[in-house]
């Protein structure tokens, strides 16, 4: 329900930004883009946390992990009157980690710190520091607060499942246990340093990525702007489909929008398209059914199909996307995401 309108907001805002007219319009477009992009990142972070997928390590920057966690938590900190102090050393080594899982860890630590300071009337401050421990080849992150601290008894049990220091109805006792499991699975460690009356500090240590791993960060070189294609956009939400078409037409492509798989089949019977971008969940004939129909009618055409969906939490949708092996985007979409997807499906390359 959020991903479809966010796709419209993000896409149209960035298109407005790309076609500036008056300076005041440019400023307003910049503000809309920043706010919409922040909403999109928050939704994506929660989706990643909700999926609880197996670890998928890749070279990541710690600063980006912290930024993603703060995207979710900044409003709560600000509304609670908590000052935020961040000191991340320059040029920290990359980590070989699952970015979504680490975002989950630091989101949990920040929220715990916020809750710990709710009962403090004095200055409330959250401090996040990160540095490179060259001797051990690790990056250390210290998340500290000015709350009331934790007793020695609680410190010894803080990472136990179902154990919580929060009052009834406000904590499950699973958050820190999950953080501990994630950090240990990454080959790192997490410790608590706290005394009653002096706040609490969590120290997270994670191994740095190796030289071979960091080389993977540089992706493929950006391809030159592709030729103009005829593209069929299949989406039952007309505004979403038209936003995707606007993005494509701004690059010189010819885009046509239909509202269901049934309409797409009828249109494909009348003419041929270079690329087909389809939603997954639709009335009459959904994305998986459309794909199976194309497999029967014209198997070669399935090489030109990609999916854009806002429902990757559904087991049925996930199973289909994994099974068909076709490229897909998760809503909310960004214009550059759509452009990269079309470049991936360039006729000739798609069949290779």
C-alpha atoms as a PDB file:
ATOM      1  CA  UNK A   1       0.000   0.000   0.000  1.00  0.00           C
ATOM      2  CA  UNK A   2       2.909   2.351   0.599  1.00  0.00           C
ATOM      3  CA  UNK A   3       5.174   1.265  -2.239  1.00  0.00           C
ATOM      4  CA  UNK A   4       2.861   2.202  -5.108  1.00  0.00           C
ATOM      5  CA  UNK A   5       2.187   5.828  -4.070  1.00  0.00           C
ATOM      6  CA  UNK A   6       5.832   6.206  -3.052  1.00  0.00           C
ATOM      7  CA  UNK A   7       6.886   5.089  -6.524  1.00  0.00           C
ATOM      8  CA  UNK A   8       4.750   7.841  -8.019  1.00  0.00           C
ATOM      9  CA  UNK A   9       6.055  10.445  -5.581  1.00  0.00           C
ATOM     10  CA  UNK A  10       9.729   9.532  -5.952  1.00  0.00           C
ATOM     11  CA  UNK A  11       9.577   9.102  -9.717  1.00  0.00           C
ATOM     12  CA  UNK A  12       7.672  12.277 -10.493  1.00  0.00           C
ATOM     13  CA  UNK A  13       9.750  14.317  -8.041  1.00  0.00           C
ATOM     14  CA  UNK A  14      13.005  13.248  -9.658  1.00  0.00           C
ATOM     15  CA  UNK A  15      11.631  13.870 -13.143  1.00  0.00           C
ATOM     16  CA  UNK A  16      10.648  17.368 -12.007  1.00  0.00           C
ATOM     17  CA  UNK A  17      14.172  17.794 -10.681  1.00  0.00           C
ATOM     18  CA  UNK A  18      15.639  16.739 -14.034  1.00  0.00           C
ATOM     19  CA  UNK A  19      13.539  19.248 -15.987  1.00  0.00           C
ATOM     20  CA  UNK A  20      14.069  22.504 -14.097  1.00  0.00           C
ATOM     21  CA  UNK A  21      12.417  25.705 -15.240  1.00  0.00           C
ATOM     22  CA  UNK A  22      12.437  28.380 -12.546  1.00  0.00           C
ATOM     23  CA  UNK A  23      14.918  28.443  -9.666  1.00  0.00           C
ATOM     24  CA  UNK A  24      12.100  28.265  -7.110  1.00  0.00           C
ATOM     25  CA  UNK A  25      10.774  25.141  -8.839  1.00  0.00           C
ATOM     26  CA  UNK A  26      14.228  23.567  -8.610  1.00  0.00           C
ATOM     27  CA  UNK A  27      14.390  24.232  -4.856  1.00  0.00           C
ATOM     28  CA  UNK A  28      10.950  22.738  -4.292  1.00  0.00           C
ATOM     29  CA  UNK A  29      11.804  19.706  -6.413  1.00  0.00           C
ATOM     30  CA  UNK A  30      14.975  19.163  -4.374  1.00  0.00           C
ATOM     31  CA  UNK A  31      12.974  19.182  -1.131  1.00  0.00           C
ATOM     32  CA  UNK A  32      10.381  16.768  -2.501  1.00  0.00           C
ATOM     33  CA  UNK A  33      13.081  14.418  -3.780  1.00  0.00           C
ATOM     34  CA  UNK A  34      14.919  14.400  -0.457  1.00  0.00           C
ATOM     35  CA  UNK A  35      11.756  13.692   1.549  1.00  0.00           C
ATOM     36  CA  UNK A  36      10.437  11.092  -0.888  1.00  0.00           C
ATOM     37  CA  UNK A  37      13.792   9.335  -1.104  1.00  0.00           C
ATOM     38  CA  UNK A  38      13.984   9.198   2.687  1.00  0.00           C
ATOM     39  CA  UNK A  39      10.522   7.604   2.816  1.00  0.00           C
ATOM     40  CA  UNK A  40      11.597   5.059   0.199  1.00  0.00           C
ATOM     41  CA  UNK A  41      14.738   4.128   2.143  1.00  0.00           C
ATOM     42  CA  UNK A  42      12.754   3.692   5.367  1.00  0.00           C
ATOM     43  CA  UNK A  43      10.289   1.359   3.640  1.00  0.00           C
ATOM     44  CA  UNK A  44      13.121  -0.663   2.112  1.00  0.00           C
ATOM     45  CA  UNK A  45      14.868  -0.959   5.472  1.00  0.00           C
ATOM     46  CA  UNK A  46      11.719  -2.263   7.178  1.00  0.00           C
ATOM     47  CA  UNK A  47      11.101  -4.719   4.332  1.00  0.00           C
ATOM     48  CA  UNK A  48      14.621  -6.079   4.674  1.00  0.00           C
ATOM     49  CA  UNK A  49      14.177  -6.442   8.438  1.00  0.00           C
ATOM     50  CA  UNK A  50      10.780  -8.107   8.046  1.00  0.00           C
ATOM     51  CA  UNK A  51      12.040 -10.722   5.591  1.00  0.00           C
ATOM     52  CA  UNK A  52      14.695 -12.071   7.984  1.00  0.00           C
ATOM     53  CA  UNK A  53      16.473 -13.563   4.995  1.00  0.00           C
ATOM     54  CA  UNK A  54      19.687 -15.610   5.309  1.00  0.00           C
ATOM     55  CA  UNK A  55      22.907 -13.633   5.481  1.00  0.00           C
ATOM     56  CA  UNK A  56      24.046 -12.244   2.122  1.00  0.00           C
ATOM     57  CA  UNK A  57      27.514 -10.766   2.799  1.00  0.00           C
ATOM     58  CA  UNK A  58      29.010  -8.202   0.446  1.00  0.00           C
ATOM     59  CA  UNK A  59      31.532  -5.359   0.844  1.00  0.00           C
ATOM     60  CA  UNK A  60      29.761  -2.464   2.594  1.00  0.00           C
ATOM     61  CA  UNK A  61      30.679   0.890   4.122  1.00  0.00           C
ATOM     62  CA  UNK A  62      29.978   1.297   7.825  1.00  0.00           C
ATOM     63  CA  UNK A  63      28.951   4.941   7.360  1.00  0.00           C
ATOM     64  CA  UNK A  64      26.155   3.870   5.012  1.00  0.00           C
ATOM     65  CA  UNK A  65      24.971   1.296   7.550  1.00  0.00           C
ATOM     66  CA  UNK A  66      24.776   3.931  10.282  1.00  0.00           C
ATOM     67  CA  UNK A  67      23.004   6.368   7.937  1.00  0.00           C
ATOM     68  CA  UNK A  68      20.368   3.756   7.086  1.00  0.00           C
ATOM     69  CA  UNK A  69      19.739   3.018  10.760  1.00  0.00           C
ATOM     70  CA  UNK A  70      19.378   6.729  11.483  1.00  0.00           C
ATOM     71  CA  UNK A  71      16.870   7.096   8.632  1.00  0.00           C
ATOM     72  CA  UNK A  72      14.503   4.946  10.688  1.00  0.00           C
ATOM     73  CA  UNK A  73      15.310   6.337  14.140  1.00  0.00           C
ATOM     74  CA  UNK A  74      16.083  10.060  13.768  1.00  0.00           C
ATOM     75  CA  UNK A  75      12.490  11.215  14.217  1.00  0.00           C
ATOM     76  CA  UNK A  76      12.135   9.284  17.489  1.00  0.00           C
ATOM     77  CA  UNK A  77      15.397  10.705  18.816  1.00  0.00           C
ATOM     78  CA  UNK A  78      14.468  14.253  17.909  1.00  0.00           C
ATOM     79  CA  UNK A  79      10.946  13.999  19.363  1.00  0.00           C
ATOM     80  CA  UNK A  80      12.452  12.648  22.607  1.00  0.00           C
ATOM     81  CA  UNK A  81      14.803  15.636  22.886  1.00  0.00           C
ATOM     82  CA  UNK A  82      17.917  13.533  22.400  1.00  0.00           C
ATOM     83  CA  UNK A  83      21.065  15.133  21.022  1.00  0.00           C
ATOM     84  CA  UNK A  84      22.884  13.050  18.443  1.00  0.00           C
ATOM     85  CA  UNK A  85      26.672  13.054  18.275  1.00  0.00           C
ATOM     86  CA  UNK A  86      28.388  11.078  15.514  1.00  0.00           C
ATOM     87  CA  UNK A  87      32.120  10.660  15.055  1.00  0.00           C
ATOM     88  CA  UNK A  88      33.095   8.171  12.358  1.00  0.00           C
ATOM     89  CA  UNK A  89      36.761   8.019  11.408  1.00  0.00           C
ATOM     90  CA  UNK A  90      37.667   8.864   7.826  1.00  0.00           C
ATOM     91  CA  UNK A  91      38.506   6.133   5.327  1.00  0.00           C
ATOM     92  CA  UNK A  92      37.365   3.202   7.435  1.00  0.00           C
ATOM     93  CA  UNK A  93      38.013  -0.180   5.790  1.00  0.00           C
ATOM     94  CA  UNK A  94      35.045  -1.883   4.173  1.00  0.00           C
ATOM     95  CA  UNK A  95      33.172  -4.628   6.012  1.00  0.00           C
ATOM     96  CA  UNK A  96      32.226  -7.973   4.484  1.00  0.00           C
ATOM     97  CA  UNK A  97      28.691  -8.149   5.818  1.00  0.00           C
ATOM     98  CA  UNK A  98      24.982  -8.393   5.190  1.00  0.00           C
ATOM     99  CA  UNK A  99      24.023  -4.719   5.104  1.00  0.00           C
ATOM    100  CA  UNK A 100      20.352  -5.275   5.984  1.00  0.00           C
ATOM    101  CA  UNK A 101      21.216  -7.329   9.047  1.00  0.00           C
ATOM    102  CA  UNK A 102      23.710  -4.753  10.313  1.00  0.00           C
ATOM    103  CA  UNK A 103      21.133  -1.997   9.810  1.00  0.00           C
ATOM    104  CA  UNK A 104      18.823  -4.079  11.966  1.00  0.00           C
ATOM    105  CA  UNK A 105      21.499  -4.323  14.693  1.00  0.00           C
ATOM    106  CA  UNK A 106      22.246  -0.602  14.868  1.00  0.00           C
ATOM    107  CA  UNK A 107      18.574   0.342  14.587  1.00  0.00           C
ATOM    108  CA  UNK A 108      17.918  -1.834  17.627  1.00  0.00           C
ATOM    109  CA  UNK A 109      20.816  -0.353  19.611  1.00  0.00           C
ATOM    110  CA  UNK A 110      19.706   3.213  18.823  1.00  0.00           C
ATOM    111  CA  UNK A 111      16.074   2.522  19.754  1.00  0.00           C
ATOM    112  CA  UNK A 112      17.183   0.849  23.001  1.00  0.00           C
ATOM    113  CA  UNK A 113      19.256   3.912  23.840  1.00  0.00           C
ATOM    114  CA  UNK A 114      16.279   6.166  23.144  1.00  0.00           C
ATOM    115  CA  UNK A 115      14.094   4.109  25.495  1.00  0.00           C
ATOM    116  CA  UNK A 116      16.801   4.104  28.174  1.00  0.00           C
ATOM    117  CA  UNK A 117      16.838   7.915  28.231  1.00  0.00           C
ATOM    118  CA  UNK A 118      13.076   8.386  28.483  1.00  0.00           C
ATOM    119  CA  UNK A 119      13.262   8.490  32.297  1.00  0.00           C
ATOM    120  CA  UNK A 120      16.185  10.934  32.403  1.00  0.00           C
ATOM    121  CA  UNK A 121      15.352  14.593  33.054  1.00  0.00           C
ATOM    122  CA  UNK A 122      18.880  15.857  32.513  1.00  0.00           C
ATOM    123  CA  UNK A 123      20.643  16.242  29.171  1.00  0.00           C
ATOM    124  CA  UNK A 124      19.895  13.340  26.838  1.00  0.00           C
ATOM    125  CA  UNK A 125      22.640  12.436  24.412  1.00  0.00           C
ATOM    126  CA  UNK A 126      23.326   9.543  22.051  1.00  0.00           C
ATOM    127  CA  UNK A 127      26.907   9.169  20.897  1.00  0.00           C
ATOM    128  CA  UNK A 128      28.028   6.962  17.994  1.00  0.00           C
ATOM    129  CA  UNK A 129      31.749   6.563  17.374  1.00  0.00           C
ATOM    130  CA  UNK A 130      33.565   4.306  14.922  1.00  0.00           C
ATOM    131  CA  UNK A 131      37.261   3.640  14.456  1.00  0.00           C
ATOM    132  CA  UNK A 132      39.620   1.164  12.843  1.00  0.00           C
ATOM    133  CA  UNK A 133      41.509  -1.221  15.125  1.00  0.00           C
ATOM    134  CA  UNK A 134      44.522  -1.889  12.931  1.00  0.00           C
ATOM    135  CA  UNK A 135      46.064  -4.426  15.320  1.00  0.00           C
ATOM    136  CA  UNK A 136      43.068  -6.768  15.141  1.00  0.00           C
ATOM    137  CA  UNK A 137      41.887  -5.871  11.641  1.00  0.00           C
ATOM    138  CA  UNK A 138      38.473  -4.845  12.956  1.00  0.00           C
ATOM    139  CA  UNK A 139      36.179  -1.839  12.946  1.00  0.00           C
ATOM    140  CA  UNK A 140      34.815  -0.876  16.361  1.00  0.00           C
ATOM    141  CA  UNK A 141      31.527   0.977  16.818  1.00  0.00           C
ATOM    142  CA  UNK A 142      30.577   2.435  20.186  1.00  0.00           C
ATOM    143  CA  UNK A 143      26.916   3.357  20.778  1.00  0.00           C
ATOM    144  CA  UNK A 144      26.537   5.099  24.139  1.00  0.00           C
ATOM    145  CA  UNK A 145      23.727   6.935  25.921  1.00  0.00           C
ATOM    146  CA  UNK A 146      23.229   9.111  29.011  1.00  0.00           C
ATOM    147  CA  UNK A 147      20.504   6.964  30.525  1.00  0.00           C
ATOM    148  CA  UNK A 148      20.431   5.528  34.036  1.00  0.00           C
ATOM    149  CA  UNK A 149      22.616   2.574  33.159  1.00  0.00           C
ATOM    150  CA  UNK A 150      22.163  -1.155  33.755  1.00  0.00           C
ATOM    151  CA  UNK A 151      22.766  -3.235  36.876  1.00  0.00           C
ATOM    152  CA  UNK A 152      25.524  -5.856  37.061  1.00  0.00           C
ATOM    153  CA  UNK A 153      22.922  -8.621  37.220  1.00  0.00           C
ATOM    154  CA  UNK A 154      21.266  -7.398  34.021  1.00  0.00           C
ATOM    155  CA  UNK A 155      24.617  -6.997  32.240  1.00  0.00           C
ATOM    156  CA  UNK A 156      25.314 -10.693  32.705  1.00  0.00           C
ATOM    157  CA  UNK A 157      21.994 -11.641  31.102  1.00  0.00           C
ATOM    158  CA  UNK A 158      21.407  -8.823  28.631  1.00  0.00           C
ATOM    159  CA  UNK A 159      21.947 -10.959  25.512  1.00  0.00           C
ATOM    160  CA  UNK A 160      19.788 -13.864  26.700  1.00  0.00           C
ATOM    161  CA  UNK A 161      16.624 -14.486  24.638  1.00  0.00           C
ATOM    162  CA  UNK A 162      13.415 -13.327  26.385  1.00  0.00           C
ATOM    163  CA  UNK A 163      15.332 -11.362  29.035  1.00  0.00           C
ATOM    164  CA  UNK A 164      14.418  -7.664  29.178  1.00  0.00           C
ATOM    165  CA  UNK A 165      15.042  -4.742  31.518  1.00  0.00           C
ATOM    166  CA  UNK A 166      12.016  -2.881  30.160  1.00  0.00           C
ATOM    167  CA  UNK A 167       8.686  -2.719  31.909  1.00  0.00           C
ATOM    168  CA  UNK A 168       5.814  -5.057  31.141  1.00  0.00           C
ATOM    169  CA  UNK A 169       4.363  -4.670  27.663  1.00  0.00           C
ATOM    170  CA  UNK A 170       7.268  -2.610  26.263  1.00  0.00           C
ATOM    171  CA  UNK A 171       9.928  -5.207  25.505  1.00  0.00           C
ATOM    172  CA  UNK A 172      10.113  -8.782  24.210  1.00  0.00           C
ATOM    173  CA  UNK A 173      13.681  -9.569  25.227  1.00  0.00           C
ATOM    174  CA  UNK A 174      14.523 -10.652  21.686  1.00  0.00           C
ATOM    175  CA  UNK A 175      16.146  -7.514  20.262  1.00  0.00           C
ATOM    176  CA  UNK A 176      19.585  -7.758  21.846  1.00  0.00           C
ATOM    177  CA  UNK A 177      19.624 -11.537  21.532  1.00  0.00           C
ATOM    178  CA  UNK A 178      19.085 -11.120  17.804  1.00  0.00           C
ATOM    179  CA  UNK A 179      21.793  -8.430  17.636  1.00  0.00           C
ATOM    180  CA  UNK A 180      24.217 -10.788  19.367  1.00  0.00           C
ATOM    181  CA  UNK A 181      23.405 -13.620  16.965  1.00  0.00           C
ATOM    182  CA  UNK A 182      23.866 -11.410  13.892  1.00  0.00           C
ATOM    183  CA  UNK A 183      27.176  -9.945  15.045  1.00  0.00           C
ATOM    184  CA  UNK A 184      28.606 -13.341  16.035  1.00  0.00           C
ATOM    185  CA  UNK A 185      27.503 -14.820  12.693  1.00  0.00           C
ATOM    186  CA  UNK A 186      29.584 -12.073  11.036  1.00  0.00           C
ATOM    187  CA  UNK A 187      32.664 -13.135  13.004  1.00  0.00           C
ATOM    188  CA  UNK A 188      32.434 -10.148  15.329  1.00  0.00           C
ATOM    189  CA  UNK A 189      31.607  -9.424  18.959  1.00  0.00           C
ATOM    190  CA  UNK A 190      29.252  -7.208  20.940  1.00  0.00           C
ATOM    191  CA  UNK A 191      29.764  -6.167  24.553  1.00  0.00           C
ATOM    192  CA  UNK A 192      27.992  -3.956  27.053  1.00  0.00           C
ATOM    193  CA  UNK A 193      29.803  -1.467  29.276  1.00  0.00           C
ATOM    194  CA  UNK A 194      27.480   0.104  31.838  1.00  0.00           C
ATOM    195  CA  UNK A 195      27.147   1.208  35.434  1.00  0.00           C
ATOM    196  CA  UNK A 196      24.014   2.281  37.244  1.00  0.00           C
ATOM    197  CA  UNK A 197      23.707   6.041  37.036  1.00  0.00           C
ATOM    198  CA  UNK A 198      26.324   6.435  34.281  1.00  0.00           C
ATOM    199  CA  UNK A 199      24.561   5.391  31.096  1.00  0.00           C
ATOM    200  CA  UNK A 200      25.352   2.433  28.876  1.00  0.00           C
ATOM    201  CA  UNK A 201      27.650   1.772  25.931  1.00  0.00           C
ATOM    202  CA  UNK A 202      27.507  -1.092  23.463  1.00  0.00           C
ATOM    203  CA  UNK A 203      30.779  -1.935  21.705  1.00  0.00           C
ATOM    204  CA  UNK A 204      30.448  -3.745  18.399  1.00  0.00           C
ATOM    205  CA  UNK A 205      33.521  -5.125  16.644  1.00  0.00           C
ATOM    206  CA  UNK A 206      33.395  -6.454  13.108  1.00  0.00           C
ATOM    207  CA  UNK A 207      36.168  -7.863  10.905  1.00  0.00           C
ATOM    208  CA  UNK A 208      37.223  -5.785   7.913  1.00  0.00           C
ATOM    209  CA  UNK A 209      36.815  -7.111   4.389  1.00  0.00           C
ATOM    210  CA  UNK A 210      39.881  -8.619   2.759  1.00  0.00           C
ATOM    211  CA  UNK A 211      41.661  -7.129  -0.252  1.00  0.00           C
ATOM    212  CA  UNK A 212      39.966  -9.573  -2.637  1.00  0.00           C
ATOM    213  CA  UNK A 213      36.574  -8.669  -1.189  1.00  0.00           C
ATOM    214  CA  UNK A 214      37.026  -4.911  -1.540  1.00  0.00           C
ATOM    215  CA  UNK A 215      37.792  -5.331  -5.201  1.00  0.00           C
ATOM    216  CA  UNK A 216      34.199  -6.482  -5.669  1.00  0.00           C
ATOM    217  CA  UNK A 217      32.819  -3.086  -4.700  1.00  0.00           C
ATOM    218  CA  UNK A 218      33.524  -1.516  -8.058  1.00  0.00           C
ATOM    219  CA  UNK A 219      30.586  -2.590 -10.212  1.00  0.00           C
ATOM    220  CA  UNK A 220      30.410  -2.766 -13.975  1.00  0.00           C
ATOM    221  CA  UNK A 221      31.222   0.392 -15.851  1.00  0.00           C
ATOM    222  CA  UNK A 222      28.236   2.523 -16.713  1.00  0.00           C
ATOM    223  CA  UNK A 223      26.999   1.729 -20.173  1.00  0.00           C
ATOM    224  CA  UNK A 224      26.365   4.396 -22.752  1.00  0.00           C
ATOM    225  CA  UNK A 225      22.812   5.602 -23.214  1.00  0.00           C
ATOM    226  CA  UNK A 226      20.826   2.845 -24.978  1.00  0.00           C
ATOM    227  CA  UNK A 227      18.958   3.202 -28.230  1.00  0.00           C
ATOM    228  CA  UNK A 228      15.246   3.988 -28.180  1.00  0.00           C
ATOM    229  CA  UNK A 229      13.054   0.944 -27.498  1.00  0.00           C
ATOM    230  CA  UNK A 230       9.359   0.189 -27.640  1.00  0.00           C
ATOM    231  CA  UNK A 231       8.367  -0.771 -24.097  1.00  0.00           C
ATOM    232  CA  UNK A 232       5.114  -2.201 -22.757  1.00  0.00           C
ATOM    233  CA  UNK A 233       4.407  -1.264 -19.119  1.00  0.00           C
ATOM    234  CA  UNK A 234       1.885  -3.533 -17.361  1.00  0.00           C
ATOM    235  CA  UNK A 235       0.525  -2.192 -14.052  1.00  0.00           C
ATOM    236  CA  UNK A 236      -3.008  -2.094 -12.677  1.00  0.00           C
ATOM    237  CA  UNK A 237      -2.328   1.229 -10.905  1.00  0.00           C
ATOM    238  CA  UNK A 238      -2.488   3.667 -13.784  1.00  0.00           C
ATOM    239  CA  UNK A 239      -0.513   6.404 -12.026  1.00  0.00           C
ATOM    240  CA  UNK A 240       2.354   3.996 -11.314  1.00  0.00           C
ATOM    241  CA  UNK A 241       2.392   2.784 -14.910  1.00  0.00           C
ATOM    242  CA  UNK A 242       2.333   6.314 -16.279  1.00  0.00           C
ATOM    243  CA  UNK A 243       5.166   7.352 -13.955  1.00  0.00           C
ATOM    244  CA  UNK A 244       7.282   4.483 -15.290  1.00  0.00           C
ATOM    245  CA  UNK A 245       6.317   5.529 -18.827  1.00  0.00           C
ATOM    246  CA  UNK A 246       7.310   9.141 -18.077  1.00  0.00           C
ATOM    247  CA  UNK A 247      10.737   7.949 -16.941  1.00  0.00           C
ATOM    248  CA  UNK A 248      11.193   5.849 -20.074  1.00  0.00           C
ATOM    249  CA  UNK A 249       9.967   8.542 -22.449  1.00  0.00           C
ATOM    250  CA  UNK A 250      12.347  11.062 -20.906  1.00  0.00           C
ATOM    251  CA  UNK A 251      15.128   8.805 -22.252  1.00  0.00           C
ATOM    252  CA  UNK A 252      13.605   8.727 -25.731  1.00  0.00           C
ATOM    253  CA  UNK A 253      11.856   5.352 -25.485  1.00  0.00           C
ATOM    254  CA  UNK A 254       8.314   4.711 -26.696  1.00  0.00           C
ATOM    255  CA  UNK A 255       6.241   3.484 -23.751  1.00  0.00           C
ATOM    256  CA  UNK A 256       2.692   2.175 -23.675  1.00  0.00           C
ATOM    257  CA  UNK A 257       0.752   1.394 -20.479  1.00  0.00           C
ATOM    258  CA  UNK A 258      -1.865  -1.320 -19.963  1.00  0.00           C
ATOM    259  CA  UNK A 259      -3.624  -2.305 -16.735  1.00  0.00           C
ATOM    260  CA  UNK A 260      -3.490  -6.098 -16.629  1.00  0.00           C
ATOM    261  CA  UNK A 261      -1.836  -9.193 -18.026  1.00  0.00           C
ATOM    262  CA  UNK A 262      -4.938  -9.842 -20.116  1.00  0.00           C
ATOM    263  CA  UNK A 263      -4.639  -6.439 -21.787  1.00  0.00           C
ATOM    264  CA  UNK A 264      -0.906  -7.027 -22.260  1.00  0.00           C
ATOM    265  CA  UNK A 265      -1.535 -10.290 -24.122  1.00  0.00           C
ATOM    266  CA  UNK A 266      -4.049  -8.578 -26.385  1.00  0.00           C
ATOM    267  CA  UNK A 267      -1.593  -5.790 -27.170  1.00  0.00           C
ATOM    268  CA  UNK A 268       1.265  -8.232 -27.779  1.00  0.00           C
ATOM    269  CA  UNK A 269      -0.964  -9.997 -30.268  1.00  0.00           C
ATOM    270  CA  UNK A 270      -1.174  -6.765 -32.260  1.00  0.00           C
ATOM    271  CA  UNK A 271       2.455  -5.657 -32.222  1.00  0.00           C
ATOM    272  CA  UNK A 272       5.893  -6.557 -30.895  1.00  0.00           C
ATOM    273  CA  UNK A 273       7.662  -4.727 -28.058  1.00  0.00           C
ATOM    274  CA  UNK A 274      11.389  -4.669 -27.326  1.00  0.00           C
ATOM    275  CA  UNK A 275      10.887  -4.778 -23.546  1.00  0.00           C
ATOM    276  CA  UNK A 276       8.014  -5.741 -21.228  1.00  0.00           C
ATOM    277  CA  UNK A 277       7.950  -4.364 -17.663  1.00  0.00           C
ATOM    278  CA  UNK A 278       5.186  -5.996 -15.634  1.00  0.00           C
ATOM    279  CA  UNK A 279       3.740  -5.698 -12.165  1.00  0.00           C
ATOM    280  CA  UNK A 280       3.284  -9.015 -10.330  1.00  0.00           C
ATOM    281  CA  UNK A 281      -0.060  -8.683  -8.533  1.00  0.00           C
ATOM    282  CA  UNK A 282      -2.855  -7.586 -10.889  1.00  0.00           C
ATOM    283  CA  UNK A 283      -6.519  -8.415 -11.559  1.00  0.00           C
ATOM    284  CA  UNK A 284      -7.694 -10.547 -14.492  1.00  0.00           C
ATOM    285  CA  UNK A 285      -4.241 -11.958 -15.277  1.00  0.00           C
ATOM    286  CA  UNK A 286      -1.324 -11.355 -12.900  1.00  0.00           C
ATOM    287  CA  UNK A 287       2.393 -11.210 -13.662  1.00  0.00           C
ATOM    288  CA  UNK A 288       3.188 -14.911 -13.096  1.00  0.00           C
ATOM    289  CA  UNK A 289       0.207 -15.945 -15.256  1.00  0.00           C
ATOM    290  CA  UNK A 290       1.259 -13.520 -17.988  1.00  0.00           C
ATOM    291  CA  UNK A 291       4.776 -14.952 -17.918  1.00  0.00           C
ATOM    292  CA  UNK A 292       3.477 -18.534 -18.224  1.00  0.00           C
ATOM    293  CA  UNK A 293       1.239 -17.518 -21.128  1.00  0.00           C
ATOM    294  CA  UNK A 294       4.224 -15.984 -22.909  1.00  0.00           C
ATOM    295  CA  UNK A 295       6.225 -19.157 -22.323  1.00  0.00           C
ATOM    296  CA  UNK A 296       3.546 -21.060 -24.218  1.00  0.00           C
ATOM    297  CA  UNK A 297       2.926 -18.502 -26.965  1.00  0.00           C
ATOM    298  CA  UNK A 298       6.425 -17.147 -27.594  1.00  0.00           C
ATOM    299  CA  UNK A 299       9.254 -18.445 -25.355  1.00  0.00           C
ATOM    300  CA  UNK A 300      11.752 -16.034 -26.952  1.00  0.00           C
ATOM    301  CA  UNK A 301       9.681 -13.085 -25.755  1.00  0.00           C
ATOM    302  CA  UNK A 302      10.168 -14.064 -22.102  1.00  0.00           C
ATOM    303  CA  UNK A 303      13.814 -12.983 -22.457  1.00  0.00           C
ATOM    304  CA  UNK A 304      12.528  -9.422 -22.754  1.00  0.00           C
ATOM    305  CA  UNK A 305      10.398  -9.519 -19.579  1.00  0.00           C
ATOM    306  CA  UNK A 306      11.230  -7.954 -16.213  1.00  0.00           C
ATOM    307  CA  UNK A 307       9.047  -7.362 -13.167  1.00  0.00           C
ATOM    308  CA  UNK A 308       8.401  -4.362 -10.935  1.00  0.00           C
ATOM    309  CA  UNK A 309       6.610  -5.233  -7.703  1.00  0.00           C
ATOM    310  CA  UNK A 310       5.720  -3.823  -4.311  1.00  0.00           C
ATOM    311  CA  UNK A 311       4.999  -7.190  -2.713  1.00  0.00           C
ATOM    312  CA  UNK A 312       8.177  -9.199  -2.174  1.00  0.00           C
ATOM    313  CA  UNK A 313       7.082 -10.264   1.320  1.00  0.00           C
ATOM    314  CA  UNK A 314       4.532 -12.700  -0.112  1.00  0.00           C
ATOM    315  CA  UNK A 315       5.993 -16.260  -0.182  1.00  0.00           C
ATOM    316  CA  UNK A 316       4.169 -16.896  -3.458  1.00  0.00           C
ATOM    317  CA  UNK A 317       5.689 -13.835  -5.114  1.00  0.00           C
ATOM    318  CA  UNK A 318       9.166 -14.601  -3.791  1.00  0.00           C
ATOM    319  CA  UNK A 319       8.942 -18.187  -5.018  1.00  0.00           C
ATOM    320  CA  UNK A 320       7.871 -17.047  -8.483  1.00  0.00           C
ATOM    321  CA  UNK A 321      10.645 -14.442  -8.798  1.00  0.00           C
ATOM    322  CA  UNK A 322      13.253 -16.961  -7.650  1.00  0.00           C
ATOM    323  CA  UNK A 323      11.946 -19.645  -9.988  1.00  0.00           C
ATOM    324  CA  UNK A 324      11.527 -17.619 -13.180  1.00  0.00           C
ATOM    325  CA  UNK A 325      14.970 -16.035 -12.835  1.00  0.00           C
ATOM    326  CA  UNK A 326      13.918 -12.790 -14.524  1.00  0.00           C
ATOM    327  CA  UNK A 327      15.261  -9.394 -13.371  1.00  0.00           C
ATOM    328  CA  UNK A 328      12.973  -7.409 -11.089  1.00  0.00           C
ATOM    329  CA  UNK A 329      12.748  -4.150  -9.153  1.00  0.00           C
ATOM    330  CA  UNK A 330      11.153  -3.563  -5.791  1.00  0.00           C
ATOM    331  CA  UNK A 331       8.882  -0.563  -5.382  1.00  0.00           C
ATOM    332  CA  UNK A 332       9.301   2.225  -4.497  1.00  0.00           C
ATOM    333  CA  UNK A 333      11.333   2.683  -7.667  1.00  0.00           C
ATOM    334  CA  UNK A 334      13.809   5.381  -8.611  1.00  0.00           C
ATOM    335  CA  UNK A 335      14.192   6.625 -12.202  1.00  0.00           C
ATOM    336  CA  UNK A 336      17.771   5.332 -12.350  1.00  0.00           C
ATOM    337  CA  UNK A 337      16.575   1.883 -11.238  1.00  0.00           C
ATOM    338  CA  UNK A 338      14.187   1.754 -14.202  1.00  0.00           C
ATOM    339  CA  UNK A 339      16.901   2.925 -16.597  1.00  0.00           C
ATOM    340  CA  UNK A 340      19.333   0.286 -15.336  1.00  0.00           C
ATOM    341  CA  UNK A 341      16.678  -2.408 -15.694  1.00  0.00           C
ATOM    342  CA  UNK A 342      15.952  -1.439 -19.310  1.00  0.00           C
ATOM    343  CA  UNK A 343      19.677  -1.379 -20.087  1.00  0.00           C
ATOM    344  CA  UNK A 344      19.886  -4.917 -18.701  1.00  0.00           C
ATOM    345  CA  UNK A 345      17.119  -5.994 -21.069  1.00  0.00           C
ATOM    346  CA  UNK A 346      18.570  -4.426 -24.208  1.00  0.00           C
ATOM    347  CA  UNK A 347      17.540  -6.584 -27.173  1.00  0.00           C
ATOM    348  CA  UNK A 348      20.406  -8.824 -28.109  1.00  0.00           C
ATOM    349  CA  UNK A 349      21.935  -8.835 -24.615  1.00  0.00           C
ATOM    350  CA  UNK A 350      18.813 -10.317 -23.034  1.00  0.00           C
ATOM    351  CA  UNK A 351      19.032 -13.422 -25.222  1.00  0.00           C
ATOM    352  CA  UNK A 352      22.766 -13.909 -24.748  1.00  0.00           C
END
